[in-house]
PDB file of N, CA and C in Angstrom:
ATOM      1  N   MET A   1       8.442   8.155  44.863  1.00  0.00           N
ATOM      2  CA  MET A   1       8.903   7.214  43.821  1.00  0.00           C
ATOM      3  C   MET A   1       9.753   6.877  44.672  1.00  0.00           C
ATOM      4  N   LYS A   2      10.977   7.295  44.873  1.00  0.00           N
ATOM      5  CA  LYS A   2      12.387   6.644  45.328  1.00  0.00           C
ATOM      6  C   LYS A   2      12.186   5.397  46.647  1.00  0.00           C
ATOM      7  N   ILE A   3      10.590   6.075  47.459  1.00  0.00           N
ATOM      8  CA  ILE A   3      10.280   5.597  48.682  1.00  0.00           C
ATOM      9  C   ILE A   3       9.586   4.003  48.427  1.00  0.00           C
ATOM     10  N   ILE A   4       8.917   4.200  47.136  1.00  0.00           N
ATOM     11  CA  ILE A   4       8.488   2.891  46.796  1.00  0.00           C
ATOM     12  C   ILE A   4       9.839   2.175  45.971  1.00  0.00           C
ATOM     13  N   LEU A   5      10.442   2.257  45.121  1.00  0.00           N
ATOM     14  CA  LEU A   5      11.852   1.642  44.895  1.00  0.00           C
ATOM     15  C   LEU A   5      12.485   1.338  45.948  1.00  0.00           C
ATOM     16  N   ALA A   6      12.261   1.698  47.137  1.00  0.00           N
ATOM     17  CA  ALA A   6      13.291   1.537  47.867  1.00  0.00           C
ATOM     18  C   ALA A   6      12.418   0.095  49.180  1.00  0.00           C
ATOM     19  N   ILE A   7      11.251   0.370  49.663  1.00  0.00           N
ATOM     20  CA  ILE A   7      10.312  -0.330  49.777  1.00  0.00           C
ATOM     21  C   ILE A   7      10.639  -2.190  48.623  1.00  0.00           C
ATOM     22  N   LEU A   8      10.294  -1.907  47.413  1.00  0.00           N
ATOM     23  CA  LEU A   8      10.591  -2.982  46.401  1.00  0.00           C
ATOM     24  C   LEU A   8      11.364  -4.021  46.624  1.00  0.00           C
ATOM     25  N   LEU A   9      12.799  -3.032  47.086  1.00  0.00           N
ATOM     26  CA  LEU A   9      14.183  -3.748  46.982  1.00  0.00           C
ATOM     27  C   LEU A   9      14.271  -4.158  48.051  1.00  0.00           C
ATOM     28  N   PHE A  10      13.584  -3.644  49.180  1.00  0.00           N
ATOM     29  CA  PHE A  10      13.934  -4.197  50.679  1.00  0.00           C
ATOM     30  C   PHE A  10      12.716  -5.825  50.608  1.00  0.00           C
ATOM     31  N   SER A  11      11.705  -5.728  50.060  1.00  0.00           N
ATOM     32  CA  SER A  11      10.919  -6.889  50.400  1.00  0.00           C
ATOM     33  C   SER A  11      11.624  -8.122  49.544  1.00  0.00           C
ATOM     34  N   PHE A  12      12.410  -7.594  48.220  1.00  0.00           N
ATOM     35  CA  PHE A  12      13.226  -8.497  47.704  1.00  0.00           C
ATOM     36  C   PHE A  12      14.244  -9.165  48.185  1.00  0.00           C
ATOM     37  N   SER A  13      14.797  -8.645  49.067  1.00  0.00           N
ATOM     38  CA  SER A  13      16.003  -8.855  49.400  1.00  0.00           C
ATOM     39  C   SER A  13      15.488  -9.712  51.118  1.00  0.00           C
ATOM     40  N   VAL A  14      14.810  -9.650  51.321  1.00  0.00           N
ATOM     41  CA  VAL A  14      14.365 -10.309  52.586  1.00  0.00           C
ATOM     42  C   VAL A  14      13.638 -11.483  52.358  1.00  0.00           C
ATOM     43  N   SER A  15      12.786 -11.111  51.196  1.00  0.00           N
ATOM     44  CA  SER A  15      12.096 -12.636  50.780  1.00  0.00           C
ATOM     45  C   SER A  15      13.257 -13.738  50.429  1.00  0.00           C
ATOM     46  N   GLY A  16      14.732 -13.258  49.625  1.00  0.00           N
ATOM     47  CA  GLY A  16      15.515 -14.218  49.466  1.00  0.00           C
ATOM     48  C   GLY A  16      16.331 -14.531  50.667  1.00  0.00           C
ATOM     49  N   ILE A  17      16.650 -13.878  51.716  1.00  0.00           N
ATOM     50  CA  ILE A  17      16.866 -14.346  53.246  1.00  0.00           C
ATOM     51  C   ILE A  17      16.295 -15.657  53.781  1.00  0.00           C
ATOM     52  N   SER A  18      15.302 -15.336  54.063  1.00  0.00           N
ATOM     53  CA  SER A  18      14.380 -16.376  54.538  1.00  0.00           C
ATOM     54  C   SER A  18      13.253 -17.477  54.159  1.00  0.00           C
ATOM     55  N   GLN A  19      14.721 -18.446  53.688  1.00  0.00           N
ATOM     56  CA  GLN A  19      13.834 -19.831  52.878  1.00  0.00           C
ATOM     57  C   GLN A  19      14.874 -21.210  54.041  1.00  0.00           C
ATOM     58  N   ALA A  20      14.086 -22.216  53.405  1.00  0.00           N
ATOM     59  CA  ALA A  20      14.749 -23.682  53.891  1.00  0.00           C
ATOM     60  C   ALA A  20      15.902 -23.700  52.801  1.00  0.00           C
ATOM     61  N   LYS A  21      16.868 -24.472  52.935  1.00  0.00           N
ATOM     62  CA  LYS A  21      17.533 -24.911  52.476  1.00  0.00           C
ATOM     63  C   LYS A  21      18.106 -26.416  52.327  1.00  0.00           C
ATOM     64  N   ILE A  22      17.972 -27.217  51.468  1.00  0.00           N
ATOM     65  CA  ILE A  22      18.151 -29.130  51.880  1.00  0.00           C
ATOM     66  C   ILE A  22      19.403 -29.207  50.897  1.00  0.00           C
ATOM     67  N   THR A  23      20.512 -29.647  51.866  1.00  0.00           N
ATOM     68  CA  THR A  23      21.901 -29.831  51.208  1.00  0.00           C
ATOM     69  C   THR A  23      22.255 -31.019  51.731  1.00  0.00           C
ATOM     70  N   PHE A  24      22.253 -32.251  51.121  1.00  0.00           N
ATOM     71  CA  PHE A  24      22.531 -33.174  51.081  1.00  0.00           C
ATOM     72  C   PHE A  24      24.253 -34.102  51.125  1.00  0.00           C
ATOM     73  N   GLU A  25      24.467 -34.555  51.833  1.00  0.00           N
ATOM     74  CA  GLU A  25      25.896 -35.058  52.224  1.00  0.00           C
ATOM     75  C   GLU A  25      26.523 -35.474  50.639  1.00  0.00           C
ATOM     76  N   GLU A  26      25.466 -36.291  50.167  1.00  0.00           N
ATOM     77  CA  GLU A  26      25.543 -37.319  49.201  1.00  0.00           C
ATOM     78  C   GLU A  26      24.133 -37.360  48.274  1.00  0.00           C
ATOM     79  N   LYS A  27      24.299 -37.390  47.033  1.00  0.00           N
ATOM     80  CA  LYS A  27      23.521 -36.895  46.051  1.00  0.00           C
ATOM     81  C   LYS A  27      23.459 -37.963  45.595  1.00  0.00           C
ATOM     82  N   ASN A  28      24.439 -38.544  44.946  1.00  0.00           N
ATOM     83  CA  ASN A  28      24.668 -39.517  44.252  1.00  0.00           C
ATOM     84  C   ASN A  28      25.582 -41.218  45.262  1.00  0.00           C
ATOM     85  N   HIS A  29      24.799 -41.688  45.133  1.00  0.00           N
ATOM     86  CA  HIS A  29      25.537 -43.140  45.383  1.00  0.00           C
ATOM     87  C   HIS A  29      25.578 -44.265  44.852  1.00  0.00           C
ATOM     88  N   ARG A  30      26.693 -45.165  44.360  1.00  0.00           N
ATOM     89  CA  ARG A  30      26.844 -46.363  43.696  1.00  0.00           C
ATOM     90  C   ARG A  30      27.294 -47.889  44.739  1.00  0.00           C
ATOM     91  N   PHE A  31      26.041 -48.555  44.820  1.00  0.00           N
ATOM     92  CA  PHE A  31      26.188 -49.988  45.358  1.00  0.00           C
ATOM     93  C   PHE A  31      27.356 -50.848  44.749  1.00  0.00           C
ATOM     94  N   PRO A  32      27.972 -51.636  45.831  1.00  0.00           N
ATOM     95  CA  PRO A  32      28.956 -52.707  45.195  1.00  0.00           C
ATOM     96  C   PRO A  32      28.031 -54.065  43.890  1.00  0.00           C
ATOM     97  N   LYS A  33      28.817 -53.973  43.342  1.00  0.00           N
ATOM     98  CA  LYS A  33      28.262 -55.317  42.237  1.00  0.00           C
ATOM     99  C   LYS A  33      27.519 -56.151  43.132  1.00  0.00           C
ATOM    100  N   THR A  34      26.179 -56.649  43.108  1.00  0.00           N
ATOM    101  CA  THR A  34      24.707 -57.416  43.806  1.00  0.00           C
ATOM    102  C   THR A  34      24.410 -58.518  43.356  1.00  0.00           C
ATOM    103  N   ASN A  35      24.140 -59.545  44.092  1.00  0.00           N
ATOM    104  CA  ASN A  35      23.729 -60.664  43.455  1.00  0.00           C
ATOM    105  C   ASN A  35      21.753 -60.514  43.225  1.00  0.00           C
ATOM    106  N   GLU A  36      21.358 -60.787  42.267  1.00  0.00           N
ATOM    107  CA  GLU A  36      19.808 -60.395  42.180  1.00  0.00           C
ATOM    108  C   GLU A  36      19.156 -61.418  43.326  1.00  0.00           C
ATOM    109  N   GLY A  37      17.977 -60.579  43.776  1.00  0.00           N
ATOM    110  CA  GLY A  37      17.261 -61.436  45.190  1.00  0.00           C
ATOM    111  C   GLY A  37      17.862 -60.452  46.177  1.00  0.00           C
ATOM    112  N   VAL A  38      18.694 -59.479  46.264  1.00  0.00           N
ATOM    113  CA  VAL A  38      19.101 -59.457  47.688  1.00  0.00           C
ATOM    114  C   VAL A  38      18.404 -57.413  48.057  1.00  0.00           C
ATOM    115  N   LEU A  39      17.834 -57.326  49.471  1.00  0.00           N
ATOM    116  CA  LEU A  39      17.448 -55.789  49.341  1.00  0.00           C
ATOM    117  C   LEU A  39      18.296 -55.104  50.179  1.00  0.00           C
ATOM    118  N   LEU A  40      18.671 -54.070  48.895  1.00  0.00           N
ATOM    119  CA  LEU A  40      19.959 -52.995  49.396  1.00  0.00           C
ATOM    120  C   LEU A  40      19.367 -52.166  50.424  1.00  0.00           C
ATOM    121  N   GLU A  41      19.783 -51.134  51.296  1.00  0.00           N
ATOM    122  CA  GLU A  41      19.740 -50.294  51.873  1.00  0.00           C
ATOM    123  C   GLU A  41      20.778 -48.934  51.484  1.00  0.00           C
ATOM    124  N   HIS A  42      20.278 -47.956  52.121  1.00  0.00           N
ATOM    125  CA  HIS A  42      21.192 -46.823  51.659  1.00  0.00           C
ATOM    126  C   HIS A  42      20.398 -45.581  52.470  1.00  0.00           C
ATOM    127  N   ASP A  43      21.714 -44.706  53.295  1.00  0.00           N
ATOM    128  CA  ASP A  43      20.684 -43.147  54.358  1.00  0.00           C
ATOM    129  C   ASP A  43      21.361 -42.216  53.218  1.00  0.00           C
ATOM    130  N   TYR A  44      20.207 -41.627  52.894  1.00  0.00           N
ATOM    131  CA  TYR A  44      20.764 -40.136  52.256  1.00  0.00           C
ATOM    132  C   TYR A  44      20.986 -39.197  53.322  1.00  0.00           C
ATOM    133  N   SER A  45      22.078 -38.519  54.338  1.00  0.00           N
ATOM    134  CA  SER A  45      21.698 -37.574  54.927  1.00  0.00           C
ATOM    135  C   SER A  45      21.688 -36.458  54.431  1.00  0.00           C
ATOM    136  N   PHE A  46      20.771 -35.289  55.441  1.00  0.00           N
ATOM    137  CA  PHE A  46      20.970 -34.088  54.563  1.00  0.00           C
ATOM    138  C   PHE A  46      20.665 -33.453  55.627  1.00  0.00           C
ATOM    139  N   THR A  47      21.010 -31.702  55.574  1.00  0.00           N
ATOM    140  CA  THR A  47      20.857 -30.618  56.468  1.00  0.00           C
ATOM    141  C   THR A  47      20.276 -29.755  55.842  1.00  0.00           C
ATOM    142  N   ASN A  48      18.964 -28.930  56.941  1.00  0.00           N
ATOM    143  CA  ASN A  48      18.298 -27.596  56.749  1.00  0.00           C
ATOM    144  C   ASN A  48      19.882 -26.576  56.556  1.00  0.00           C
ATOM    145  N   THR A  49      19.928 -25.975  55.646  1.00  0.00           N
ATOM    146  CA  THR A  49      21.004 -25.098  55.636  1.00  0.00           C
ATOM    147  C   THR A  49      20.120 -23.884  55.786  1.00  0.00           C
ATOM    148  N   GLY A  50      19.469 -23.613  55.715  1.00  0.00           N
ATOM    149  CA  GLY A  50      18.582 -22.362  55.239  1.00  0.00           C
ATOM    150  C   GLY A  50      18.258 -21.923  56.786  1.00  0.00           C
ATOM    151  N   ASN A  51      17.618 -21.054  56.786  1.00  0.00           N
ATOM    152  CA  ASN A  51      16.833 -20.270  58.308  1.00  0.00           C
ATOM    153  C   ASN A  51      15.118 -20.271  58.347  1.00  0.00           C
ATOM    154  N   GLU A  52      14.897 -21.066  57.902  1.00  0.00           N
ATOM    155  CA  GLU A  52      13.135 -21.471  57.810  1.00  0.00           C
ATOM    156  C   GLU A  52      13.330 -23.136  57.994  1.00  0.00           C
ATOM    157  N   PRO A  53      12.273 -23.465  59.011  1.00  0.00           N
ATOM    158  CA  PRO A  53      11.654 -24.712  58.789  1.00  0.00           C
ATOM    159  C   PRO A  53      11.766 -25.525  57.417  1.00  0.00           C
ATOM    160  N   LEU A  54      12.410 -27.208  57.143  1.00  0.00           N
ATOM    161  CA  LEU A  54      12.305 -27.539  55.930  1.00  0.00           C
ATOM    162  C   LEU A  54      11.508 -28.548  56.002  1.00  0.00           C
ATOM    163  N   ILE A  55      10.291 -28.420  55.084  1.00  0.00           N
ATOM    164  CA  ILE A  55       9.095 -29.553  55.114  1.00  0.00           C
ATOM    165  C   ILE A  55       9.238 -30.534  53.543  1.00  0.00           C
ATOM    166  N   ILE A  56       9.848 -31.696  54.035  1.00  0.00           N
ATOM    167  CA  ILE A  56       9.010 -32.498  52.826  1.00  0.00           C
ATOM    168  C   ILE A  56       8.000 -33.016  52.616  1.00  0.00           C
ATOM    169  N   GLU A  57       7.698 -32.520  50.914  1.00  0.00           N
ATOM    170  CA  GLU A  57       6.278 -32.405  50.782  1.00  0.00           C
ATOM    171  C   GLU A  57       6.072 -34.245  49.977  1.00  0.00           C
ATOM    172  N   GLY A  58       6.942 -34.737  49.573  1.00  0.00           N
ATOM    173  CA  GLY A  58       6.753 -35.722  49.124  1.00  0.00           C
ATOM    174  C   GLY A  58       8.136 -36.572  48.300  1.00  0.00           C
ATOM    175  N   ILE A  59       8.207 -37.596  47.733  1.00  0.00           N
ATOM    176  CA  ILE A  59       8.921 -37.998  46.919  1.00  0.00           C
ATOM    177  C   ILE A  59       8.269 -39.120  45.848  1.00  0.00           C
ATOM    178  N   LYS A  60       8.636 -39.211  44.955  1.00  0.00           N
ATOM    179  CA  LYS A  60       8.516 -40.128  43.753  1.00  0.00           C
ATOM    180  C   LYS A  60       9.377 -40.747  43.117  1.00  0.00           C
ATOM    181  N   VAL A  61       9.213 -42.076  42.732  1.00  0.00           N
ATOM    182  CA  VAL A  61       9.952 -42.539  42.147  1.00  0.00           C
ATOM    183  C   VAL A  61       9.236 -43.475  41.055  1.00  0.00           C
ATOM    184  N   ALA A  62      10.175 -44.097  39.764  1.00  0.00           N
ATOM    185  CA  ALA A  62       9.557 -44.511  39.144  1.00  0.00           C
ATOM    186  C   ALA A  62       9.464 -45.953  38.874  1.00  0.00           C
ATOM    187  N   CYS A  63       9.664 -46.897  39.994  1.00  0.00           N
ATOM    188  CA  CYS A  63       9.220 -48.109  40.262  1.00  0.00           C
ATOM    189  C   CYS A  63       9.450 -48.379  41.744  1.00  0.00           C
ATOM    190  N   THR A  64       7.848 -49.410  41.567  1.00  0.00           N
ATOM    191  CA  THR A  64       7.887 -50.088  43.528  1.00  0.00           C
ATOM    192  C   THR A  64       8.711 -50.636  44.015  1.00  0.00           C
ATOM    193  N   CYS A  65       9.889 -51.260  43.284  1.00  0.00           N
ATOM    194  CA  CYS A  65      11.015 -51.902  43.957  1.00  0.00           C
ATOM    195  C   CYS A  65      11.841 -50.464  44.461  1.00  0.00           C
ATOM    196  N   THR A  66      11.983 -49.742  44.490  1.00  0.00           N
ATOM    197  CA  THR A  66      12.423 -48.675  45.376  1.00  0.00           C
ATOM    198  C   THR A  66      11.596 -48.156  46.500  1.00  0.00           C
ATOM    199  N   LYS A  67      11.648 -48.331  47.860  1.00  0.00           N
ATOM    200  CA  LYS A  67      11.293 -47.905  49.013  1.00  0.00           C
ATOM    201  C   LYS A  67      11.515 -46.825  49.541  1.00  0.00           C
ATOM    202  N   PHE A  68      11.371 -45.491  50.286  1.00  0.00           N
ATOM    203  CA  PHE A  68      11.738 -45.007  51.208  1.00  0.00           C
ATOM    204  C   PHE A  68      10.841 -44.373  52.076  1.00  0.00           C
ATOM    205  N   THR A  69      11.581 -43.370  53.324  1.00  0.00           N
ATOM    206  CA  THR A  69      11.009 -42.904  53.994  1.00  0.00           C
ATOM    207  C   THR A  69      11.827 -41.777  54.123  1.00  0.00           C
ATOM    208  N   TYR A  70      11.188 -40.605  54.880  1.00  0.00           N
ATOM    209  CA  TYR A  70      11.365 -39.198  55.174  1.00  0.00           C
ATOM    210  C   TYR A  70      10.882 -39.232  56.585  1.00  0.00           C
ATOM    211  N   PRO A  71      11.133 -37.809  56.852  1.00  0.00           N
ATOM    212  CA  PRO A  71      11.238 -37.407  58.183  1.00  0.00           C
ATOM    213  C   PRO A  71       9.596 -36.525  57.460  1.00  0.00           C
ATOM    214  N   LYS A  72       8.917 -36.828  58.671  1.00  0.00           N
ATOM    215  CA  LYS A  72       7.201 -36.281  58.096  1.00  0.00           C
ATOM    216  C   LYS A  72       6.987 -35.000  59.051  1.00  0.00           C
ATOM    217  N   SER A  73       7.657 -34.762  59.920  1.00  0.00           N
ATOM    218  CA  SER A  73       7.758 -32.979  60.356  1.00  0.00           C
ATOM    219  C   SER A  73       9.012 -32.331  60.100  1.00  0.00           C
ATOM    220  N   PRO A  74       8.552 -31.063  60.281  1.00  0.00           N
ATOM    221  CA  PRO A  74       9.346 -30.087  60.117  1.00  0.00           C
ATOM    222  C   PRO A  74      11.035 -30.279  60.318  1.00  0.00           C
ATOM    223  N   ILE A  75      11.825 -30.187  59.438  1.00  0.00           N
ATOM    224  CA  ILE A  75      13.514 -30.503  60.078  1.00  0.00           C
ATOM    225  C   ILE A  75      13.948 -28.600  60.327  1.00  0.00           C
ATOM    226  N   LEU A  76      14.294 -28.366  61.490  1.00  0.00           N
ATOM    227  CA  LEU A  76      14.419 -26.810  62.296  1.00  0.00           C
ATOM    228  C   LEU A  76      16.327 -26.468  61.028  1.00  0.00           C
ATOM    229  N   PRO A  77      16.163 -25.097  60.928  1.00  0.00           N
ATOM    230  CA  PRO A  77      17.449 -24.992  60.451  1.00  0.00           C
ATOM    231  C   PRO A  77      18.998 -25.257  60.937  1.00  0.00           C
ATOM    232  N   GLY A  78      19.858 -25.902  60.354  1.00  0.00           N
ATOM    233  CA  GLY A  78      20.994 -26.375  61.352  1.00  0.00           C
ATOM    234  C   GLY A  78      20.713 -27.725  61.763  1.00  0.00           C
ATOM    235  N   LYS A  79      19.565 -28.450  61.619  1.00  0.00           N
ATOM    236  CA  LYS A  79      19.431 -29.811  61.551  1.00  0.00           C
ATOM    237  C   LYS A  79      19.185 -30.863  60.894  1.00  0.00           C
ATOM    238  N   GLN A  80      19.513 -31.820  61.004  1.00  0.00           N
ATOM    239  CA  GLN A  80      19.692 -33.012  59.645  1.00  0.00           C
ATOM    240  C   GLN A  80      18.469 -33.706  60.079  1.00  0.00           C
ATOM    241  N   GLY A  81      18.572 -34.609  58.550  1.00  0.00           N
ATOM    242  CA  GLY A  81      17.254 -35.864  58.457  1.00  0.00           C
ATOM    243  C   GLY A  81      18.154 -36.636  57.646  1.00  0.00           C
ATOM    244  N   ILE A  82      16.958 -37.793  57.561  1.00  0.00           N
ATOM    245  CA  ILE A  82      17.736 -38.979  57.151  1.00  0.00           C
ATOM    246  C   ILE A  82      16.535 -39.101  55.788  1.00  0.00           C
ATOM    247  N   ILE A  83      16.720 -39.784  54.397  1.00  0.00           N
ATOM    248  CA  ILE A  83      15.941 -40.105  53.760  1.00  0.00           C
ATOM    249  C   ILE A  83      16.752 -41.844  53.399  1.00  0.00           C
ATOM    250  N   HIS A  84      15.767 -42.544  54.020  1.00  0.00           N
ATOM    251  CA  HIS A  84      15.924 -44.130  53.990  1.00  0.00           C
ATOM    252  C   HIS A  84      15.811 -44.450  53.172  1.00  0.00           C
ATOM    253  N   VAL A  85      16.238 -45.494  51.729  1.00  0.00           N
ATOM    254  CA  VAL A  85      15.760 -45.802  50.826  1.00  0.00           C
ATOM    255  C   VAL A  85      16.157 -47.388  50.809  1.00  0.00           C
ATOM    256  N   THR A  86      15.287 -48.225  49.902  1.00  0.00           N
ATOM    257  CA  THR A  86      15.420 -49.693  50.102  1.00  0.00           C
ATOM    258  C   THR A  86      15.219 -49.870  48.374  1.00  0.00           C
ATOM    259  N   PHE A  87      15.815 -50.805  47.679  1.00  0.00           N
ATOM    260  CA  PHE A  87      15.925 -51.193  46.559  1.00  0.00           C
ATOM    261  C   PHE A  87      15.742 -52.700  46.513  1.00  0.00           C
ATOM    262  N   ASP A  88      14.568 -53.437  46.092  1.00  0.00           N
ATOM    263  CA  ASP A  88      14.714 -54.860  45.982  1.00  0.00           C
ATOM    264  C   ASP A  88      15.326 -55.178  44.502  1.00  0.00           C
ATOM    265  N   THR A  89      16.484 -55.604  44.640  1.00  0.00           N
ATOM    266  CA  THR A  89      16.999 -56.469  43.369  1.00  0.00           C
ATOM    267  C   THR A  89      16.473 -58.035  42.792  1.00  0.00           C
ATOM    268  N   ASN A  90      15.273 -58.211  43.282  1.00  0.00           N
ATOM    269  CA  ASN A  90      14.553 -59.618  42.654  1.00  0.00           C
ATOM    270  C   ASN A  90      14.462 -58.897  41.391  1.00  0.00           C
ATOM    271  N   LYS A  91      14.431 -59.996  40.695  1.00  0.00           N
ATOM    272  CA  LYS A  91      14.073 -60.188  38.863  1.00  0.00           C
ATOM    273  C   LYS A  91      15.034 -58.540  38.219  1.00  0.00           C
ATOM    274  N   LYS A  92      15.816 -58.277  39.083  1.00  0.00           N
ATOM    275  CA  LYS A  92      16.513 -57.065  37.855  1.00  0.00           C
ATOM    276  C   LYS A  92      17.899 -57.738  37.739  1.00  0.00           C
ATOM    277  N   TYR A  93      18.126 -57.239  36.397  1.00  0.00           N
ATOM    278  CA  TYR A  93      19.737 -57.589  36.552  1.00  0.00           C
ATOM    279  C   TYR A  93      20.332 -56.282  35.491  1.00  0.00           C
ATOM    280  N   GLU A  94      21.739 -56.489  35.498  1.00  0.00           N
ATOM    281  CA  GLU A  94      22.410 -55.596  34.564  1.00  0.00           C
ATOM    282  C   GLU A  94      22.553 -53.716  35.630  1.00  0.00           C
ATOM    283  N   TRP A  95      23.309 -52.886  34.326  1.00  0.00           N
ATOM    284  CA  TRP A  95      23.020 -51.394  35.990  1.00  0.00           C
ATOM    285  C   TRP A  95      21.320 -51.563  36.014  1.00  0.00           C
ATOM    286  N   GLN A  96      21.203 -51.053  37.043  1.00  0.00           N
ATOM    287  CA  GLN A  96      19.876 -50.518  37.551  1.00  0.00           C
ATOM    288  C   GLN A  96      20.279 -49.079  38.412  1.00  0.00           C
ATOM    289  N   ASN A  97      19.814 -48.293  37.745  1.00  0.00           N
ATOM    290  CA  ASN A  97      20.048 -46.869  38.001  1.00  0.00           C
ATOM    291  C   ASN A  97      18.249 -46.231  38.294  1.00  0.00           C
ATOM    292  N   ARG A  98      18.208 -45.259  39.035  1.00  0.00           N
ATOM    293  CA  ARG A  98      17.021 -45.112  39.965  1.00  0.00           C
ATOM    294  C   ARG A  98      17.267 -43.784  40.476  1.00  0.00           C
ATOM    295  N   THR A  99      15.926 -43.036  40.249  1.00  0.00           N
ATOM    296  CA  THR A  99      16.212 -41.716  40.619  1.00  0.00           C
ATOM    297  C   THR A  99      15.068 -41.211  41.713  1.00  0.00           C
ATOM    298  N   LEU A 100      15.488 -40.229  42.859  1.00  0.00           N
ATOM    299  CA  LEU A 100      14.348 -40.125  43.794  1.00  0.00           C
ATOM    300  C   LEU A 100      13.648 -38.934  43.576  1.00  0.00           C
ATOM    301  N   VAL A 101      13.082 -37.812  43.336  1.00  0.00           N
ATOM    302  CA  VAL A 101      12.747 -36.512  43.086  1.00  0.00           C
ATOM    303  C   VAL A 101      11.945 -36.299  44.255  1.00  0.00           C
ATOM    304  N   ILE A 102      12.054 -34.875  45.094  1.00  0.00           N
ATOM    305  CA  ILE A 102      12.104 -34.820  46.357  1.00  0.00           C
ATOM    306  C   ILE A 102      11.425 -33.588  46.045  1.00  0.00           C
ATOM    307  N   SER A 103      10.203 -33.176  46.661  1.00  0.00           N
ATOM    308  CA  SER A 103       9.382 -32.087  46.881  1.00  0.00           C
ATOM    309  C   SER A 103       9.850 -31.507  47.955  1.00  0.00           C
ATOM    310  N   SER A 104       9.760 -30.266  48.079  1.00  0.00           N
ATOM    311  CA  SER A 104      10.052 -29.624  49.487  1.00  0.00           C
ATOM    312  C   SER A 104       9.493 -27.937  49.404  1.00  0.00           C
ATOM    313  N   ASN A 105       9.730 -27.335  50.201  1.00  0.00           N
ATOM    314  CA  ASN A 105       9.604 -26.316  50.605  1.00  0.00           C
ATOM    315  C   ASN A 105      10.705 -25.423  50.742  1.00  0.00           C
ATOM    316  N   ALA A 106      11.663 -25.778  50.105  1.00  0.00           N
ATOM    317  CA  ALA A 106      13.532 -25.124  49.844  1.00  0.00           C
ATOM    318  C   ALA A 106      13.290 -24.544  49.111  1.00  0.00           C
ATOM    319  N   GLU A 107      14.479 -23.737  48.685  1.00  0.00           N
ATOM    320  CA  GLU A 107      14.570 -22.221  48.217  1.00  0.00           C
ATOM    321  C   GLU A 107      14.228 -22.969  46.424  1.00  0.00           C
ATOM    322  N   LYS A 108      14.861 -24.139  46.414  1.00  0.00           N
ATOM    323  CA  LYS A 108      15.143 -25.076  44.966  1.00  0.00           C
ATOM    324  C   LYS A 108      13.517 -26.265  45.135  1.00  0.00           C
ATOM    325  N   PRO A 109      12.712 -25.883  45.141  1.00  0.00           N
ATOM    326  CA  PRO A 109      11.427 -26.985  45.236  1.00  0.00           C
ATOM    327  C   PRO A 109      11.548 -28.302  45.051  1.00  0.00           C
ATOM    328  N   THR A 110      12.710 -28.886  44.318  1.00  0.00           N
ATOM    329  CA  THR A 110      12.870 -30.398  44.191  1.00  0.00           C
ATOM    330  C   THR A 110      14.269 -30.889  44.019  1.00  0.00           C
ATOM    331  N   SER A 111      14.588 -31.525  44.376  1.00  0.00           N
ATOM    332  CA  SER A 111      15.609 -32.038  44.807  1.00  0.00           C
ATOM    333  C   SER A 111      15.574 -33.585  44.111  1.00  0.00           C
ATOM    334  N   ILE A 112      16.838 -34.167  43.687  1.00  0.00           N
ATOM    335  CA  ILE A 112      17.381 -35.150  43.342  1.00  0.00           C
ATOM    336  C   ILE A 112      18.260 -35.830  43.612  1.00  0.00           C
ATOM    337  N   ILE A 113      18.179 -37.090  44.112  1.00  0.00           N
ATOM    338  CA  ILE A 113      19.431 -38.320  44.662  1.00  0.00           C
ATOM    339  C   ILE A 113      18.966 -39.400  43.916  1.00  0.00           C
ATOM    340  N   ARG A 114      19.941 -39.808  43.439  1.00  0.00           N
ATOM    341  CA  ARG A 114      20.313 -41.090  42.511  1.00  0.00           C
ATOM    342  C   ARG A 114      20.880 -42.382  43.159  1.00  0.00           C
ATOM    343  N   PHE A 115      20.963 -43.493  42.790  1.00  0.00           N
ATOM    344  CA  PHE A 115      21.234 -44.531  42.816  1.00  0.00           C
ATOM    345  C   PHE A 115      21.991 -45.154  41.816  1.00  0.00           C
ATOM    346  N   LYS A 116      23.289 -46.285  41.661  1.00  0.00           N
ATOM    347  CA  LYS A 116      23.442 -47.276  41.027  1.00  0.00           C
ATOM    348  C   LYS A 116      23.818 -48.319  41.358  1.00  0.00           C
ATOM    349  N   VAL A 117      23.915 -49.426  40.783  1.00  0.00           N
ATOM    350  CA  VAL A 117      23.997 -51.384  41.006  1.00  0.00           C
ATOM    351  C   VAL A 117      23.753 -51.979  40.030  1.00  0.00           C
ATOM    352  N   MET A 118      25.293 -52.694  39.502  1.00  0.00           N
ATOM    353  CA  MET A 118      24.774 -53.706  38.615  1.00  0.00           C
ATOM    354  C   MET A 118      24.611 -54.668  39.541  1.00  0.00           C
ATOM    355  N   VAL A 119      23.564 -55.382  39.217  1.00  0.00           N
ATOM    356  CA  VAL A 119      22.888 -56.354  39.621  1.00  0.00           C
ATOM    357  C   VAL A 119      23.345 -57.969  38.938  1.00  0.00           C
ATOM    358  N   ILE A 120      23.612 -59.081  39.997  1.00  0.00           N
ATOM    359  CA  ILE A 120      23.963 -59.983  38.744  1.00  0.00           C
ATOM    360  C   ILE A 120      23.011 -61.372  38.747  1.00  0.00           C
ATOM    361  N   ASN A 121      23.230 -62.162  37.831  1.00  0.00           N
ATOM    362  CA  ASN A 121      22.454 -63.527  38.525  1.00  0.00           C
ATOM    363  C   ASN A 121      23.518 -65.024  37.927  1.00  0.00           C
ATOM    364  N   GLU A 122      23.916 -65.141  38.695  1.00  0.00           N
ATOM    365  CA  GLU A 122      24.443 -66.260  39.070  1.00  0.00           C
ATOM    366  C   GLU A 122      24.238 -67.283  38.352  1.00  0.00           C
ATOM    367  N   LYS A 123      22.878 -67.567  37.993  1.00  0.00           N
ATOM    368  CA  LYS A 123      22.436 -68.712  37.405  1.00  0.00           C
ATOM    369  C   LYS A 123      22.444 -68.764  36.147  1.00  0.00           C
ATOM    370  N   HIS A 124      23.122 -67.663  35.466  1.00  0.00           N
ATOM    371  CA  HIS A 124      22.623 -67.481  33.963  1.00  0.00           C
ATOM    372  C   HIS A 124      24.315 -67.212  33.559  1.00  0.00           C
TER     373      HIS A 124
END
C-alpha cells in the first residue's frame, strides 16, 4: 500500500512540474483618448515561463472591430511571443472596453487580455 501511495504522490508532483505557462508583461492596456475612425494597434508581449512548449490554440473576441495575430508555432520555455491587436474605432463612440480570451495548453488554459479607449466624435 505504501508503494502505491508513493507512486501516486510522485505522479502528481511530476505532472505539476512539467507544463507551459503564459506570463504577460501587461494584461490591461488603456489607449489615449482617440478620434473616431482611427485604427489603433497594440502588442501584448508574453513569455513562456513554464518548462514545456506553449501552444496558443485560439483567441476569441466579441466584435469584428477587434483583429489579432498570434504565434502559430510553439513558444519554447523562456522564449517570448507577441499578440498583435488592432481595433477599428470607425462608428465607435464613448468608452470602448474589449476583452480577448486566449486558449492555450498552459497550466491555466484560458487567459484574458483587455484594452480600453475613449473614442470621441468631433462632429457632435
